[in-house]
């Protein structure tokens, strides 16, 4: 399979992850009572930020520039949020949707990096970048602490999905099974963090 053609399953996971992250970006702009321009920008940068950084690092064409669906999906999400009360999107539902997008995007980023001949450990890091960087850029623009600065299990969940995807691929596992199980594991860990408030211990020594 050419490196420029990922299987249909990954393409679907890609659009799902983009839509969910775009929704998170647009809802944050709504909470901050920003203009539609800001909302659309937050939706786009949150949706494509991680994947764009990944593609630049692995030497791939930046994915959303060449995909006719990505920008319309982000803009469509922004329009949807603009015309609805943001309280409809607040609460646990958005967090669970974000967890699903995080896991899917981590797997996608890892799989794409591996397709481009990136070593497994580095490919897993590309998966983490794909899942997390869009949210980091969004948080910095919004002037709030980024997900990297919070103890909650977020980046760790992306790392779990990415590592399992890299390991399963190196062991020649069936692609769809590796991707599905890897995404499910990351989603389960993030879901446990949401439900039970799990967090990584912070540094305490002085």
Protein backbone atom coordinates (compact mmCIF):
# COMPACT_ATOMS: atom_id res chain seq x y z
CA UNK A 1 0.00 0.00 0.00
CA UNK A 2 1.45 3.42 -0.92
CA UNK A 3 2.26 5.62 2.05
CA UNK A 4 -0.09 8.29 0.69
CA UNK A 5 -3.09 5.97 0.89
CA UNK A 6 -4.26 4.93 4.30
CA UNK A 7 -6.99 2.30 4.64
CA UNK A 8 -10.61 3.40 4.72
CA UNK A 9 -10.92 2.60 8.44
CA UNK A 10 -8.18 5.07 9.31
CA UNK A 11 -9.79 7.65 7.04
CA UNK A 12 -13.05 7.32 8.96
CA UNK A 13 -11.22 7.52 12.30
CA UNK A 14 -9.47 10.63 11.02
CA UNK A 15 -12.68 12.50 10.20
CA UNK A 16 -14.32 11.41 13.46
CA UNK A 17 -11.35 12.66 15.47
CA UNK A 18 -11.25 15.93 13.55
CA UNK A 19 -14.98 16.54 14.07
CA UNK A 20 -14.78 15.83 17.81
CA UNK A 21 -11.73 18.03 18.36
CA UNK A 22 -13.25 20.79 16.22
CA UNK A 23 -16.34 20.60 18.42
CA UNK A 24 -14.20 20.95 21.56
CA UNK A 25 -12.49 24.01 20.10
CA UNK A 26 -15.73 25.64 19.00
CA UNK A 27 -17.41 25.02 22.36
CA UNK A 28 -14.50 26.61 24.21
CA UNK A 29 -14.85 29.71 22.02
CA UNK A 30 -18.59 29.72 22.78
CA UNK A 31 -17.92 29.58 26.52
CA UNK A 32 -15.56 32.54 26.12
CA UNK A 33 -18.29 34.40 24.14
CA UNK A 34 -16.05 34.95 21.14
CA UNK A 35 -16.99 35.95 17.58
CA UNK A 36 -17.76 33.41 14.88
CA UNK A 37 -14.36 34.06 13.30
CA UNK A 38 -12.64 33.07 16.54
CA UNK A 39 -14.94 30.08 16.92
CA UNK A 40 -14.16 28.85 13.39
CA UNK A 41 -10.44 29.35 13.98
CA UNK A 42 -10.57 27.43 17.27
CA UNK A 43 -12.48 24.61 15.56
CA UNK A 44 -9.92 24.40 12.75
CA UNK A 45 -6.76 24.66 14.82
CA UNK A 46 -8.04 22.14 17.39
CA UNK A 47 -9.16 19.75 14.67
CA UNK A 48 -6.02 19.80 12.52
CA UNK A 49 -3.26 21.12 14.79
CA UNK A 50 -1.86 17.78 15.95
CA UNK A 51 -2.03 16.15 12.55
CA UNK A 52 -0.39 19.15 10.89
CA UNK A 53 2.58 19.08 13.29
CA UNK A 54 2.91 15.31 12.79
CA UNK A 55 2.94 15.61 9.01
CA UNK A 56 5.55 18.37 9.09
CA UNK A 57 7.77 16.25 11.37
CA UNK A 58 7.56 13.04 9.32
CA UNK A 59 7.89 14.78 5.95
CA UNK A 60 4.38 14.06 4.74
CA UNK A 61 2.09 16.47 2.86
CA UNK A 62 0.00 18.31 5.45
CA UNK A 63 -3.10 16.14 5.38
CA UNK A 64 -5.92 18.66 5.50
CA UNK A 65 -4.51 20.82 2.71
CA UNK A 66 -5.07 17.95 0.28
CA UNK A 67 -8.31 16.56 1.76
CA UNK A 68 -11.49 18.26 0.49
CA UNK A 69 -13.49 17.17 3.55
CA UNK A 70 -11.47 18.37 6.53
CA UNK A 71 -11.93 22.16 6.35
CA UNK A 72 -15.69 21.87 5.56
CA UNK A 73 -16.14 19.51 8.53
CA UNK A 74 -14.43 22.00 10.87
CA UNK A 75 -16.42 24.93 9.49
CA UNK A 76 -19.65 22.93 9.68
CA UNK A 77 -18.99 22.14 13.34
CA UNK A 78 -18.34 25.83 14.05
CA UNK A 79 -21.63 26.80 12.37
CA UNK A 80 -23.49 24.13 14.35
CA UNK A 81 -22.10 25.39 17.67
CA UNK A 82 -22.71 29.04 16.71
CA UNK A 83 -26.42 28.45 16.24
CA UNK A 84 -26.94 26.35 19.38
CA UNK A 85 -26.66 27.18 23.10
CA UNK A 86 -23.25 25.99 24.33
CA UNK A 87 -24.90 24.34 27.35
CA UNK A 88 -26.09 21.64 24.93
CA UNK A 89 -22.46 20.63 24.46
CA UNK A 90 -21.23 21.10 28.03
CA UNK A 91 -20.78 18.35 30.56
CA UNK A 92 -19.70 14.73 30.47
CA UNK A 93 -20.88 14.02 26.92
CA UNK A 94 -18.27 16.31 25.40
CA UNK A 95 -15.56 14.85 27.64
CA UNK A 96 -16.42 11.32 26.53
CA UNK A 97 -16.51 12.39 22.90
CA UNK A 98 -13.10 14.00 23.35
CA UNK A 99 -11.80 10.77 24.86
CA UNK A 100 -12.93 8.87 21.77
CA UNK A 101 -11.32 11.42 19.47
CA UNK A 102 -8.08 11.36 21.47
CA UNK A 103 -7.76 7.58 21.20
CA UNK A 104 -8.67 7.50 17.51
CA UNK A 105 -6.24 10.29 16.66
CA UNK A 106 -3.38 8.71 18.62
CA UNK A 107 -3.81 5.48 16.68
CA UNK A 108 -4.11 7.31 13.38
CA UNK A 109 -0.97 9.34 13.99
CA UNK A 110 1.05 6.29 14.97
CA UNK A 111 -0.15 4.24 12.00
CA UNK A 112 0.59 7.04 9.54
CA UNK A 113 4.09 7.57 10.95
CA UNK A 114 4.80 3.85 10.65
CA UNK A 115 3.58 3.92 7.04
CA UNK A 116 6.16 6.62 6.36
CA UNK A 117 8.96 4.44 7.73
CA UNK A 118 9.31 6.14 11.10
CA UNK A 119 10.82 3.94 13.83
CA UNK A 120 8.23 2.45 16.25
CA UNK A 121 9.14 4.51 19.35
CA UNK A 122 9.19 7.74 17.38
CA UNK A 123 5.98 6.73 15.61
CA UNK A 124 4.28 6.33 18.98
CA UNK A 125 5.41 9.83 19.91
CA UNK A 126 3.90 11.06 16.64
CA UNK A 127 0.65 9.46 17.75
CA UNK A 128 0.74 11.38 21.03
CA UNK A 129 1.48 14.59 19.16
CA UNK A 130 -1.41 13.94 16.79
CA UNK A 131 -3.82 13.42 19.66
CA UNK A 132 -2.70 16.23 21.96
CA UNK A 133 -1.09 19.16 20.13
CA UNK A 134 -4.32 20.60 18.71
CA UNK A 135 -5.73 20.89 22.22
CA UNK A 136 -2.48 22.41 23.50
CA UNK A 137 -2.56 25.10 20.80
CA UNK A 138 -6.23 25.80 21.58
CA UNK A 139 -5.56 26.16 25.31
CA UNK A 140 -2.60 28.48 24.76
CA UNK A 141 -4.68 30.69 22.47
CA UNK A 142 -7.47 30.72 25.06
CA UNK A 143 -5.05 31.70 27.83
CA UNK A 144 -5.75 28.72 30.04
CA UNK A 145 -3.50 25.92 31.41
CA UNK A 146 -2.88 23.38 28.66
CA UNK A 147 -3.66 19.68 28.99
CA UNK A 148 0.06 18.97 29.41
CA UNK A 149 0.08 21.03 32.63
CA UNK A 150 -2.78 19.14 34.24
CA UNK A 151 -2.25 15.94 36.28
CA UNK A 152 -5.32 14.19 34.85
CA UNK A 153 -4.74 11.13 32.65
CA UNK A 154 -5.01 12.64 29.17
CA UNK A 155 -1.64 12.51 27.44
CA UNK A 156 -1.09 9.15 29.15
CA UNK A 157 -4.22 7.76 27.49
CA UNK A 158 -2.98 8.92 24.09
CA UNK A 159 0.39 7.33 24.82
CA UNK A 160 -1.24 4.01 25.69
CA UNK A 161 -3.12 3.91 22.38
CA UNK A 162 -0.02 4.94 20.45
CA UNK A 163 2.30 2.40 22.12
CA UNK A 164 -0.14 -0.48 21.64
CA UNK A 165 -0.60 0.48 17.99
CA UNK A 166 3.16 0.58 17.40
CA UNK A 167 3.79 -2.71 19.21
CA UNK A 168 0.90 -4.49 17.48
CA UNK A 169 2.04 -3.29 14.07
CA UNK A 170 5.66 -4.36 14.67
CA UNK A 171 4.39 -7.80 15.70
CA UNK A 172 2.48 -8.00 12.39
CA UNK A 173 -0.94 -8.02 14.00
CA UNK A 174 -4.05 -7.68 11.85
CA UNK A 175 -4.34 -3.97 11.13
CA UNK A 176 -8.01 -3.44 11.96
CA UNK A 177 -7.69 -5.49 15.14
CA UNK A 178 -4.57 -3.63 16.30
CA UNK A 179 -6.13 -0.25 15.58
CA UNK A 180 -9.42 -1.13 17.24
CA UNK A 181 -7.89 -2.60 20.39
CA UNK A 182 -5.36 0.23 20.70
CA UNK A 183 -8.07 2.88 20.41
CA UNK A 184 -10.31 1.00 22.85
CA UNK A 185 -7.52 0.78 25.44
CA UNK A 186 -6.77 4.50 25.29
CA UNK A 187 -10.46 5.35 25.43
CA UNK A 188 -10.94 3.05 28.45
CA UNK A 189 -8.04 4.67 30.34
CA UNK A 190 -9.27 8.17 29.58
CA UNK A 191 -12.80 7.11 30.51
CA UNK A 192 -11.57 5.76 33.84
CA UNK A 193 -9.84 9.08 34.48
CA UNK A 194 -13.08 10.95 33.73
CA UNK A 195 -15.20 8.67 35.89
CA UNK A 196 -12.89 8.24 38.88
CA UNK A 197 -10.79 11.38 38.61
CA UNK A 198 -7.55 9.46 38.11
CA UNK A 199 -4.40 11.59 37.88
CA UNK A 200 -0.64 11.18 37.77
CA UNK A 201 1.14 12.02 41.07
CA UNK A 202 2.90 15.38 40.91
CA UNK A 203 6.54 15.99 41.84
CA UNK A 204 6.78 16.63 45.61
CA UNK A 205 10.47 16.76 46.50
CA UNK A 206 12.04 20.07 47.48
